[in-house]
Each structure stands twice: as structure tokens, then as C-alpha cells.
Amino acid sequence: MKQWGEFQAVRQRGRSKSGRYVVVGFLGEEGMEGRRFGMITSKKSGKKAVTRNLLRRRFREIVRRWGDELPEGVMVVTI
């Protein structure tokens, strides 16, 4: 996901679960093809861009390996 409206839709209409280090929001849309993933990395996760980019790369790899396990028509946002 790249559009802010999609992130907002997940935050407003979807559900979320929070853990100690990450919040995952998800929204199931009827009729939507595929799966969409987005991530928000704030400065709380690391003051330097190097740290935040490392987290983004790791999350992208998790999505590449395990994203196909989710059902079709799901939008997921990690914070």
C-alpha cells in the first residue's frame, strides 16, 4: 500500500492487535483481489534512518515469505 487513504481505512474500519514492539492492523474487503501490505515506521523504533530501514527490510522479507498464507482480500498495516 502506498496511498494514505488505504492506511486510514485499515485504521478506522479494521481491527488491530498490539504487542510489545509492533501493532498490526488488518481489514478484510469483499471483492478485493490479492493482499496488500503497508508499514509505518516511526522514530520511536529508532532515531536513525539506518535502524528504521533495517526494520522495514526485515518486515518486507517476512511478508515475502509468509504473505501468501493470508486469505485473499486482506489489507495489513504494521506500525
C-alpha atoms as a PDB file:
ATOM      1  CA  MET A   1       0.000   0.000   0.000  1.00  0.00           C
ATOM      2  CA  LYS A   2       1.214   3.460  -0.783  1.00  0.00           C
ATOM      3  CA  GLN A   3      -1.871   5.661  -0.559  1.00  0.00           C
ATOM      4  CA  TRP A   4      -2.659   7.334   2.759  1.00  0.00           C
ATOM      5  CA  GLY A   5      -6.387   6.636   2.297  1.00  0.00           C
ATOM      6  CA  GLU A   6      -5.752   2.892   2.362  1.00  0.00           C
ATOM      7  CA  PHE A   7      -3.835   3.189   5.632  1.00  0.00           C
ATOM      8  CA  GLN A   8      -6.652   5.284   7.084  1.00  0.00           C
ATOM      9  CA  ALA A   9      -9.276   2.741   6.016  1.00  0.00           C
ATOM     10  CA  VAL A  10      -7.435  -0.029   7.838  1.00  0.00           C
ATOM     11  CA  ARG A  11      -7.044   2.124  10.945  1.00  0.00           C
ATOM     12  CA  GLN A  12     -10.686   3.288  11.009  1.00  0.00           C
ATOM     13  CA  ARG A  13     -12.676   0.287   9.792  1.00  0.00           C
ATOM     14  CA  GLY A  14     -10.317  -2.584  10.555  1.00  0.00           C
ATOM     15  CA  ARG A  15      -9.159  -4.373  13.663  1.00  0.00           C
ATOM     16  CA  SER A  16      -5.798  -4.195  15.335  1.00  0.00           C
ATOM     17  CA  LYS A  17      -3.705  -6.203  17.731  1.00  0.00           C
ATOM     18  CA  SER A  18      -0.825  -4.727  19.649  1.00  0.00           C
ATOM     19  CA  GLY A  19       2.212  -6.337  21.123  1.00  0.00           C
ATOM     20  CA  ARG A  20       5.207  -5.034  22.951  1.00  0.00           C
ATOM     21  CA  TYR A  21       7.026  -3.896  19.819  1.00  0.00           C
ATOM     22  CA  VAL A  22       4.518  -3.837  16.975  1.00  0.00           C
ATOM     23  CA  VAL A  23       0.884  -3.025  16.184  1.00  0.00           C
ATOM     24  CA  VAL A  24      -0.769  -4.930  13.344  1.00  0.00           C
ATOM     25  CA  GLY A  25      -3.971  -3.638  11.795  1.00  0.00           C
ATOM     26  CA  PHE A  26      -5.989  -5.659   9.308  1.00  0.00           C
ATOM     27  CA  LEU A  27      -9.097  -5.196   7.216  1.00  0.00           C
ATOM     28  CA  GLY A  28     -10.865  -7.730   5.034  1.00  0.00           C
ATOM     29  CA  GLU A  29     -12.506  -6.269   1.933  1.00  0.00           C
ATOM     30  CA  GLU A  30     -15.051  -8.220  -0.101  1.00  0.00           C
ATOM     31  CA  GLY A  31     -14.278  -8.266  -3.798  1.00  0.00           C
ATOM     32  CA  MET A  32     -10.685  -7.064  -3.434  1.00  0.00           C
ATOM     33  CA  GLU A  33      -8.171  -9.171  -5.296  1.00  0.00           C
ATOM     34  CA  GLY A  34      -4.845 -10.074  -3.762  1.00  0.00           C
ATOM     35  CA  ARG A  35      -3.343  -8.959  -0.491  1.00  0.00           C
ATOM     36  CA  ARG A  36      -1.981  -5.547   0.393  1.00  0.00           C
ATOM     37  CA  PHE A  37       0.644  -4.752   2.965  1.00  0.00           C
ATOM     38  CA  GLY A  38       1.864  -1.460   4.334  1.00  0.00           C
ATOM     39  CA  MET A  39       4.164  -0.408   7.110  1.00  0.00           C
ATOM     40  CA  ILE A  40       4.628   2.704   9.177  1.00  0.00           C
ATOM     41  CA  THR A  41       7.987   3.085  10.889  1.00  0.00           C
ATOM     42  CA  SER A  42       8.085   5.932  13.375  1.00  0.00           C
ATOM     43  CA  LYS A  43      11.088   7.414  15.125  1.00  0.00           C
ATOM     44  CA  LYS A  44      10.060   5.505  18.243  1.00  0.00           C
ATOM     45  CA  SER A  45      11.548   2.426  16.602  1.00  0.00           C
ATOM     46  CA  GLY A  46      14.913   4.090  16.056  1.00  0.00           C
ATOM     47  CA  LYS A  47      16.212   7.625  15.910  1.00  0.00           C
ATOM     48  CA  LYS A  48      18.441   6.974  12.938  1.00  0.00           C
ATOM     49  CA  ALA A  49      17.190   6.186   9.447  1.00  0.00           C
ATOM     50  CA  VAL A  50      19.546   3.204   9.228  1.00  0.00           C
ATOM     51  CA  THR A  51      17.705   1.473  12.061  1.00  0.00           C
ATOM     52  CA  ARG A  52      14.256   2.212  10.616  1.00  0.00           C
ATOM     53  CA  ASN A  53      15.287   0.999   7.169  1.00  0.00           C
ATOM     54  CA  LEU A  54      16.641  -2.221   8.670  1.00  0.00           C
ATOM     55  CA  LEU A  55      13.255  -2.844  10.319  1.00  0.00           C
ATOM     56  CA  ARG A  56      11.452  -2.157   7.027  1.00  0.00           C
ATOM     57  CA  ARG A  57      13.682  -4.603   5.151  1.00  0.00           C
ATOM     58  CA  ARG A  58      13.062  -7.297   7.749  1.00  0.00           C
ATOM     59  CA  PHE A  59       9.298  -6.808   7.653  1.00  0.00           C
ATOM     60  CA  ARG A  60       9.333  -6.903   3.831  1.00  0.00           C
ATOM     61  CA  GLU A  61      11.176 -10.219   3.946  1.00  0.00           C
ATOM     62  CA  ILE A  62       8.611 -11.636   6.384  1.00  0.00           C
ATOM     63  CA  VAL A  63       5.830 -10.562   4.020  1.00  0.00           C
ATOM     64  CA  ARG A  64       7.630 -12.088   1.033  1.00  0.00           C
ATOM     65  CA  ARG A  65       7.997 -15.424   2.786  1.00  0.00           C
ATOM     66  CA  TRP A  66       4.687 -15.666   4.651  1.00  0.00           C
ATOM     67  CA  GLY A  67       2.295 -13.241   2.925  1.00  0.00           C
ATOM     68  CA  ASP A  68       0.752 -15.958   0.758  1.00  0.00           C
ATOM     69  CA  GLU A  69      -0.577 -17.650   3.901  1.00  0.00           C
ATOM     70  CA  LEU A  70      -3.183 -14.885   4.357  1.00  0.00           C
ATOM     71  CA  PRO A  71      -6.558 -15.136   2.615  1.00  0.00           C
ATOM     72  CA  GLU A  72      -7.383 -13.067  -0.471  1.00  0.00           C
ATOM     73  CA  GLY A  73      -8.850  -9.592   0.020  1.00  0.00           C
ATOM     74  CA  VAL A  74      -6.902  -8.577   3.143  1.00  0.00           C
ATOM     75  CA  MET A  75      -5.115  -5.314   3.847  1.00  0.00           C
ATOM     76  CA  VAL A  76      -2.489  -5.383   6.610  1.00  0.00           C
ATOM     77  CA  VAL A  77      -0.666  -2.428   8.199  1.00  0.00           C
ATOM     78  CA  THR A  78       2.226  -2.809  10.631  1.00  0.00           C
ATOM     79  CA  ILE A  79       3.281   0.046  12.891  1.00  0.00           C
END
